Amino acid sequence: MSTVLSEREISDRLIAFIRERFLSGDPAGELDEDSPLLEWGILNSLNTALLVAHIRDEMGIDVAFETIDPRAFKSVRGLTSALLPHAAPA
């Protein structure tokens, strides 16, 4: 990917994917950047693998996820912060 994604773009794309894929569109509009993804049961092992694939394949952010602190997966804000340094083209 040759485009640099901004923090807002990363966050918006993560929220859109999570809403559509795991929350049936989030009709109540409950998901935001600080929603507890693990506590709410949104991210389990399968969903996390799907999210990682989306980040790599659809967002073009190629990062070795074993280098990201697992606590980043607690919220979209945490994950966005962890991904941001990797969102620029090499």
Foldseek 3Di string as FASTA:
>chain_A
DADFDDLVRQLVVLQQCLCVPQVVNPVVPPADQQAFCVVVVSDDPVNVVVSVCCCCPVLVQDDDCVPQDPVLNRGSNSVSVRRNVRRHDD
